[in-house]
Amino acid sequence: MLENFCQYILGDTDELISPGVEGINGVELANSMVLSGMKGGEKVSLPMDSGEFADVLSKLVAESAQSADMAEEFARSASPVAALADALASE
């Protein structure tokens, strides 16, 4: 798959084995599984409510003893997911 992607970027092929939209779908599926788990196994429909996911994720971070400082930055951020990624990258 990686070789196919490189060939596509270089213009050596016109077809991608796995277009980017499939990756986005995979991330949403994984996030919906996390959300379902955080809600005690409750069913989550797709496309999922990204605002609800952000709220649940914010609560999880806020309750983490190791993340008290990061939780404040996360809650103030216009992009909570990006703030979390930045915070985790700086650890």
Protein backbone atom coordinates (compact mmCIF):
# COMPACT_ATOMS: atom_id res chain seq x y z
CA MET A 1 0.00 0.00 0.00
CA LEU A 2 2.84 2.39 0.85
CA GLU A 3 4.54 1.66 -2.46
CA ASN A 4 1.28 2.35 -4.31
CA PHE A 5 0.92 5.67 -2.46
CA CYS A 6 4.48 6.70 -3.39
CA GLN A 7 3.87 5.75 -7.02
CA TYR A 8 0.67 7.83 -6.99
CA ILE A 9 2.50 10.87 -5.58
CA LEU A 10 5.25 10.49 -8.19
CA GLY A 11 2.67 10.17 -10.97
CA ASP A 12 3.62 6.59 -11.84
CA THR A 13 0.05 5.33 -11.26
CA ASP A 14 -3.40 6.88 -11.51
CA GLU A 15 -5.06 4.58 -9.00
CA LEU A 16 -4.78 4.46 -5.23
CA ILE A 17 -5.35 1.12 -3.54
CA SER A 18 -6.83 2.88 -0.51
CA PRO A 19 -8.07 6.46 -0.98
CA GLY A 20 -7.84 8.89 1.95
CA VAL A 21 -11.55 8.80 2.61
CA GLU A 22 -11.11 5.20 3.79
CA GLY A 23 -8.64 6.39 6.42
CA ILE A 24 -11.07 9.03 7.64
CA ASN A 25 -13.79 6.39 7.88
CA GLY A 26 -11.46 4.17 9.90
CA VAL A 27 -10.67 6.97 12.35
CA GLU A 28 -14.36 7.75 12.77
CA LEU A 29 -15.11 4.06 13.38
CA ALA A 30 -12.36 3.85 16.01
CA ASN A 31 -13.57 7.05 17.68
CA SER A 32 -17.14 5.75 17.74
CA MET A 33 -15.94 2.57 19.47
CA VAL A 34 -14.17 4.66 22.11
CA LEU A 35 -17.31 6.79 22.55
CA SER A 36 -19.47 3.69 22.90
CA GLY A 37 -17.11 2.29 25.52
CA MET A 38 -17.13 5.54 27.46
CA LYS A 39 -20.93 5.44 27.41
CA GLY A 40 -21.10 1.94 28.89
CA GLY A 41 -21.50 0.10 25.59
CA GLU A 42 -24.32 2.29 24.31
CA LYS A 43 -24.81 2.12 20.55
CA VAL A 44 -23.31 5.03 18.61
CA SER A 45 -24.63 5.78 15.14
CA LEU A 46 -22.46 6.83 12.23
CA PRO A 47 -21.68 9.48 11.28
CA MET A 48 -21.08 10.09 14.96
CA ASP A 49 -21.67 13.32 16.83
CA SER A 50 -18.17 14.80 16.93
CA GLY A 51 -19.25 17.39 19.51
CA GLU A 52 -20.37 14.63 21.86
CA PHE A 53 -17.08 12.81 21.31
CA ALA A 54 -15.14 16.01 22.11
CA ASP A 55 -17.19 16.48 25.29
CA VAL A 56 -16.57 12.91 26.45
CA LEU A 57 -12.88 13.19 25.60
CA SER A 58 -12.63 16.54 27.44
CA LYS A 59 -14.22 14.97 30.54
CA LEU A 60 -11.81 12.02 30.38
CA VAL A 61 -8.81 14.33 30.15
CA ALA A 62 -10.13 16.59 32.92
CA GLU A 63 -10.55 13.60 35.25
CA SER A 64 -7.04 12.31 34.60
CA ALA A 65 -4.72 13.05 37.50
CA GLN A 66 -1.77 13.29 35.09
CA SER A 67 -3.58 15.71 32.78
CA ALA A 68 -4.80 18.49 35.07
CA ASP A 69 -2.71 21.18 33.38
CA MET A 70 -3.39 19.85 29.89
CA ALA A 71 -7.14 19.76 30.59
CA GLU A 72 -7.30 23.54 30.95
CA GLU A 73 -5.54 24.10 27.63
CA PHE A 74 -7.66 21.41 26.01
CA ALA A 75 -10.92 23.00 27.20
CA ARG A 76 -9.88 26.48 25.96
CA SER A 77 -8.75 25.26 22.56
CA ALA A 78 -10.79 25.91 19.42
CA SER A 79 -9.71 22.45 18.31
CA PRO A 80 -9.74 20.06 21.29
CA VAL A 81 -8.38 17.13 19.32
CA ALA A 82 -5.45 19.20 18.02
CA ALA A 83 -4.76 20.51 21.55
CA LEU A 84 -4.71 16.97 22.91
CA ALA A 85 -2.36 15.82 20.18
CA ASP A 86 -0.03 18.76 20.86
CA ALA A 87 -0.10 18.10 24.59
CA LEU A 88 0.64 14.41 24.18
CA ALA A 89 3.44 15.16 21.71
CA SER A 90 5.15 17.45 24.22
CA GLU A 91 5.32 14.78 26.95
